[in-house]
Structure formats: structure tokens, C-alpha cells
C-alpha atoms as a PDB file:
ATOM      1  CA  MET A   1      42.309  94.612  54.745  1.00  0.00           C
ATOM      2  CA  ASN A   2      40.826  97.744  53.302  1.00  0.00           C
ATOM      3  CA  GLN A   3      41.194  98.906  49.701  1.00  0.00           C
ATOM      4  CA  GLU A   4      43.389 101.925  50.550  1.00  0.00           C
ATOM      5  CA  ARG A   5      45.951  99.796  52.382  1.00  0.00           C
ATOM      6  CA  LEU A   6      46.119  97.276  49.521  1.00  0.00           C
ATOM      7  CA  MET A   7      46.752 100.030  46.977  1.00  0.00           C
ATOM      8  CA  LYS A   8      49.799 101.184  48.989  1.00  0.00           C
ATOM      9  CA  VAL A   9      51.380  97.765  49.684  1.00  0.00           C
ATOM     10  CA  LEU A  10      53.160  97.389  46.322  1.00  0.00           C
ATOM     11  CA  LEU A  11      55.771 100.113  45.876  1.00  0.00           C
ATOM     12  CA  ALA A  12      57.392  99.085  42.576  1.00  0.00           C
ATOM     13  CA  PRO A  13      58.081  96.073  40.371  1.00  0.00           C
ATOM     14  CA  ILE A  14      61.668  94.876  40.275  1.00  0.00           C
ATOM     15  CA  VAL A  15      62.747  94.466  36.655  1.00  0.00           C
ATOM     16  CA  SER A  16      66.207  92.982  36.162  1.00  0.00           C
ATOM     17  CA  GLU A  17      67.840  90.111  34.290  1.00  0.00           C
ATOM     18  CA  LYS A  18      67.209  87.742  37.195  1.00  0.00           C
ATOM     19  CA  THR A  19      63.540  88.649  37.608  1.00  0.00           C
ATOM     20  CA  THR A  20      62.953  88.432  33.849  1.00  0.00           C
ATOM     21  CA  ARG A  21      64.477  84.947  33.813  1.00  0.00           C
ATOM     22  CA  ILE A  22      62.325  83.674  36.709  1.00  0.00           C
ATOM     23  CA  ALA A  23      59.230  85.293  35.189  1.00  0.00           C
ATOM     24  CA  ASP A  24      59.771  83.332  31.973  1.00  0.00           C
ATOM     25  CA  SER A  25      60.621  80.012  33.602  1.00  0.00           C
ATOM     26  CA  ALA A  26      58.548  79.887  36.820  1.00  0.00           C
ATOM     27  CA  ARG A  27      55.860  82.623  36.466  1.00  0.00           C
ATOM     28  CA  GLN A  28      57.357  84.486  39.462  1.00  0.00           C
ATOM     29  CA  TYR A  29      57.408  88.274  39.684  1.00  0.00           C
ATOM     30  CA  ALA A  30      59.317  90.424  42.168  1.00  0.00           C
ATOM     31  CA  PHE A  31      57.998  93.571  43.844  1.00  0.00           C
ATOM     32  CA  LYS A  32      59.355  96.081  46.308  1.00  0.00           C
ATOM     33  CA  VAL A  33      56.751  96.227  49.103  1.00  0.00           C
ATOM     34  CA  LEU A  34      56.107  98.188  52.292  1.00  0.00           C
ATOM     35  CA  PRO A  35      58.290  97.170  55.263  1.00  0.00           C
ATOM     36  CA  GLY A  36      55.202  96.170  57.245  1.00  0.00           C
ATOM     37  CA  ALA A  37      53.516  94.197  54.450  1.00  0.00           C
ATOM     38  CA  THR A  38      52.389  90.620  55.073  1.00  0.00           C
ATOM     39  CA  LYS A  39      51.967  87.709  52.656  1.00  0.00           C
ATOM     40  CA  PRO A  40      48.134  87.900  52.600  1.00  0.00           C
ATOM     41  CA  GLU A  41      48.287  91.656  51.939  1.00  0.00           C
ATOM     42  CA  VAL A  42      50.724  91.199  49.044  1.00  0.00           C
ATOM     43  CA  ARG A  43      48.555  88.410  47.592  1.00  0.00           C
ATOM     44  CA  LYS A  44      45.384  90.527  47.719  1.00  0.00           C
ATOM     45  CA  ALA A  45      47.187  93.611  46.346  1.00  0.00           C
ATOM     46  CA  VAL A  46      48.573  91.759  43.310  1.00  0.00           C
ATOM     47  CA  GLU A  47      45.219  90.103  42.610  1.00  0.00           C
ATOM     48  CA  LEU A  48      43.461  93.472  42.904  1.00  0.00           C
ATOM     49  CA  MET A  49      45.870  95.549  40.810  1.00  0.00           C
ATOM     50  CA  PHE A  50      46.699  93.097  38.009  1.00  0.00           C
ATOM     51  CA  ASP A  51      43.546  90.911  37.938  1.00  0.00           C
ATOM     52  CA  VAL A  52      45.474  87.620  38.202  1.00  0.00           C
ATOM     53  CA  LYS A  53      45.344  84.513  40.418  1.00  0.00           C
ATOM     54  CA  VAL A  54      48.265  84.184  42.868  1.00  0.00           C
ATOM     55  CA  ASN A  55      49.505  80.733  43.951  1.00  0.00           C
ATOM     56  CA  SER A  56      52.113  81.729  46.534  1.00  0.00           C
ATOM     57  CA  VAL A  57      54.051  84.647  48.008  1.00  0.00           C
ATOM     58  CA  GLN A  58      57.574  84.619  49.421  1.00  0.00           C
ATOM     59  CA  ILE A  59      58.920  87.652  51.281  1.00  0.00           C
ATOM     60  CA  CYS A  60      62.581  88.595  51.863  1.00  0.00           C
ATOM     61  CA  ASN A  61      63.942  91.310  54.138  1.00  0.00           C
ATOM     62  CA  MET A  62      66.768  93.002  52.251  1.00  0.00           C
ATOM     63  CA  LEU A  63      69.361  94.607  54.489  1.00  0.00           C
ATOM     64  CA  GLY A  64      70.801  97.947  53.371  1.00  0.00           C
ATOM     65  CA  LYS A  65      74.444  98.026  52.372  1.00  0.00           C
ATOM     66  CA  VAL A  66      77.094  99.926  54.303  1.00  0.00           C
ATOM     67  CA  LYS A  67      78.711 102.487  52.002  1.00  0.00           C
ATOM     68  CA  ARG A  68      81.678 104.813  52.384  1.00  0.00           C
ATOM     69  CA  HIS A  69      82.350 108.194  50.876  1.00  0.00           C
ATOM     70  CA  GLY A  70      85.835 109.145  51.942  1.00  0.00           C
ATOM     71  CA  GLN A  71      86.052 108.923  55.724  1.00  0.00           C
ATOM     72  CA  SER A  72      82.336 109.100  56.380  1.00  0.00           C
ATOM     73  CA  ILE A  73      80.355 105.853  56.603  1.00  0.00           C
ATOM     74  CA  GLY A  74      76.680 105.618  55.763  1.00  0.00           C
ATOM     75  CA  LYS A  75      74.057 102.905  55.430  1.00  0.00           C
ATOM     76  CA  ARG A  76      71.346 102.449  52.847  1.00  0.00           C
ATOM     77  CA  ALA A  77      67.828 101.813  54.084  1.00  0.00           C
ATOM     78  CA  ASP A  78      66.521  98.277  54.682  1.00  0.00           C
ATOM     79  CA  TRP A  79      63.651  97.215  52.424  1.00  0.00           C
ATOM     80  CA  LYS A  80      61.354  94.282  51.742  1.00  0.00           C
ATOM     81  CA  LYS A  81      61.039  92.228  48.559  1.00  0.00           C
ATOM     82  CA  ALA A  82      58.182  89.896  47.607  1.00  0.00           C
ATOM     83  CA  TYR A  83      58.319  87.084  45.060  1.00  0.00           C
ATOM     84  CA  VAL A  84      54.813  86.316  43.744  1.00  0.00           C
ATOM     85  CA  THR A  85      54.090  83.065  41.904  1.00  0.00           C
ATOM     86  CA  LEU A  86      51.104  83.221  39.561  1.00  0.00           C
ATOM     87  CA  ALA A  87      48.710  80.420  38.648  1.00  0.00           C
ATOM     88  CA  GLU A  88      48.952  78.683  35.291  1.00  0.00           C
ATOM     89  CA  GLY A  89      47.727  80.871  32.427  1.00  0.00           C
ATOM     90  CA  ASN A  90      48.156  84.202  34.268  1.00  0.00           C
ATOM     91  CA  ASP A  91      50.708  86.822  33.269  1.00  0.00           C
ATOM     92  CA  ILE A  92      51.703  90.372  34.215  1.00  0.00           C
ATOM     93  CA  ASP A  93      52.915  92.739  31.483  1.00  0.00           C
ATOM     94  CA  PHE A  94      54.876  95.663  32.924  1.00  0.00           C
ATOM     95  CA  MET A  95      55.652  97.239  29.548  1.00  0.00           C
ATOM     96  CA  GLY A  96      51.987  97.889  28.761  1.00  0.00           C
ATOM     97  CA  ALA A  97      52.347  96.852  25.122  1.00  0.00           C
ATOM     98  CA  GLU A  98      49.145  95.440  23.707  1.00  0.00           C
END
């Protein structure tokens, strides 16, 4: 795994009520990742970018929803989500407040 690939694996953090709740209770954070990303790549990318220790990674394939606009039917793109559990004492701050 080269450095360039690891920098591109994480696309965006997912910040919602659910992810905030699991971050507070279980030290889990959710990220939108590349469709071809693997668990070891996600682990290395999070450890590299945020300087934390990762305990485990769970990956979900999210299927795009079918949407209608009048008579035409379209489909949103499929994407991949990763839940990252951090070791005790580690934390990620997305707001950047110090």
C-alpha cells in the first residue's frame, strides 16, 4: 500500500446524529470510502491521516436508491461506508476546534 493510494481511500467523514451517538458511546467513526477500498487500506489511511490507533474496521456496501421524477426513473450511485473503531484514549475531532 503506497502513500498516494492511502491518501485517496477516505473520501469524507459521515457526520449525522447516528454517527455522533456511536462516536460518543463506542469510539466508532464513519467514513465514505472508495468503492474498491479494503479493511487494511482503511485502517492504514485512518492511522496515517489522524494519527490514532485503530482497533477494528467494518465495511458496508450501500446500495443507491431508486428515485422518480415524474415518469422518468433514475438510480443513485452505490457507495461504500466504513465504520472505524478506535483504541482506548484515541479521538478524532472533525470540527478542528482546539
